[in-house]
């Protein structure tokens, strides 16, 4: 058995099914946001790069205070 992270699984899903819808967020009056595996992987990599460029590294603690929106889940993946 290999040790695989959630990020590994996301990368695999994005590689095999980049256009498949993965998440749907109903934001009430603001509408619905739908993201594919490819979009999630791309946005996660971008956010991870921004965090790293600002000095966030392995073992650092980061506080995240966001509502139930796509950005929370994307930041969570980027921090992994």
Protein backbone atom coordinates (compact mmCIF):
# COMPACT_ATOMS: atom_id res chain seq x y z
CA UNK A 1 0.00 0.00 0.00
CA UNK A 2 1.35 3.43 -0.90
CA UNK A 3 0.85 6.56 1.12
CA UNK A 4 -1.26 8.87 -1.00
CA UNK A 5 -2.45 12.29 0.03
CA UNK A 6 -5.66 14.06 -0.91
CA UNK A 7 -3.57 16.29 -3.16
CA UNK A 8 -2.26 13.17 -4.95
CA UNK A 9 -5.83 12.02 -5.49
CA UNK A 10 -6.85 15.45 -6.76
CA UNK A 11 -3.93 15.51 -9.19
CA UNK A 12 -4.89 12.04 -10.47
CA UNK A 13 -8.51 13.06 -10.95
CA UNK A 14 -7.44 16.25 -12.75
CA UNK A 15 -5.11 14.28 -15.02
CA UNK A 16 -7.75 11.70 -15.94
CA UNK A 17 -10.94 13.80 -15.83
CA UNK A 18 -10.01 17.50 -16.09
CA UNK A 19 -13.42 18.56 -17.44
CA UNK A 20 -15.52 16.51 -15.02
CA UNK A 21 -17.43 18.56 -12.48
CA UNK A 22 -16.16 17.93 -8.97
CA UNK A 23 -17.70 20.57 -6.71
CA UNK A 24 -20.92 22.52 -6.69
CA UNK A 25 -21.39 25.38 -4.24
CA UNK A 26 -24.83 26.94 -3.92
CA UNK A 27 -24.15 30.47 -2.71
CA UNK A 28 -27.80 31.34 -2.29
CA UNK A 29 -28.62 34.71 -3.83
CA UNK A 30 -25.12 34.92 -5.30
CA UNK A 31 -25.70 31.92 -7.56
CA UNK A 32 -24.04 28.56 -8.00
CA UNK A 33 -20.32 27.93 -8.51
CA UNK A 34 -19.30 24.73 -10.30
CA UNK A 35 -15.66 23.66 -10.51
CA UNK A 36 -14.07 20.84 -12.48
CA UNK A 37 -11.20 18.70 -11.25
CA UNK A 38 -8.89 20.57 -13.63
CA UNK A 39 -10.00 23.98 -12.34
CA UNK A 40 -9.56 22.89 -8.73
CA UNK A 41 -6.06 21.54 -9.39
CA UNK A 42 -5.02 24.70 -11.29
CA UNK A 43 -6.39 27.09 -8.67
CA UNK A 44 -4.88 25.02 -5.86
CA UNK A 45 -1.43 25.13 -7.49
CA UNK A 46 -1.72 28.88 -8.02
CA UNK A 47 -2.70 29.50 -4.40
CA UNK A 48 0.07 27.20 -3.14
CA UNK A 49 2.57 29.18 -5.20
CA UNK A 50 1.33 32.48 -3.78
CA UNK A 51 1.57 31.13 -0.23
CA UNK A 52 5.10 29.81 -0.85
CA UNK A 53 6.18 33.14 -2.39
CA UNK A 54 5.05 34.85 0.81
CA UNK A 55 7.14 32.54 2.96
CA UNK A 56 4.60 29.92 3.99
CA UNK A 57 6.32 26.56 4.17
CA UNK A 58 6.06 23.04 5.47
CA UNK A 59 5.24 22.95 9.18
CA UNK A 60 3.93 26.52 9.30
CA UNK A 61 0.59 27.21 10.91
CA UNK A 62 -1.90 29.23 8.91
CA UNK A 63 -5.24 30.52 10.13
CA UNK A 64 -8.05 30.54 7.60
CA UNK A 65 -11.32 32.33 8.27
CA UNK A 66 -13.70 31.98 5.35
CA UNK A 67 -17.31 31.00 4.98
CA UNK A 68 -18.65 27.95 3.16
CA UNK A 69 -17.38 29.07 -0.23
CA UNK A 70 -15.14 27.50 -2.85
CA UNK A 71 -12.23 29.65 -1.69
CA UNK A 72 -12.13 27.90 1.69
CA UNK A 73 -11.74 24.45 0.14
CA UNK A 74 -9.21 25.73 -2.42
CA UNK A 75 -7.06 27.35 0.28
CA UNK A 76 -7.31 24.19 2.38
CA UNK A 77 -5.99 22.08 -0.52
CA UNK A 78 -3.28 24.67 -1.29
CA UNK A 79 -2.05 24.50 2.30
CA UNK A 80 -1.68 20.75 2.04
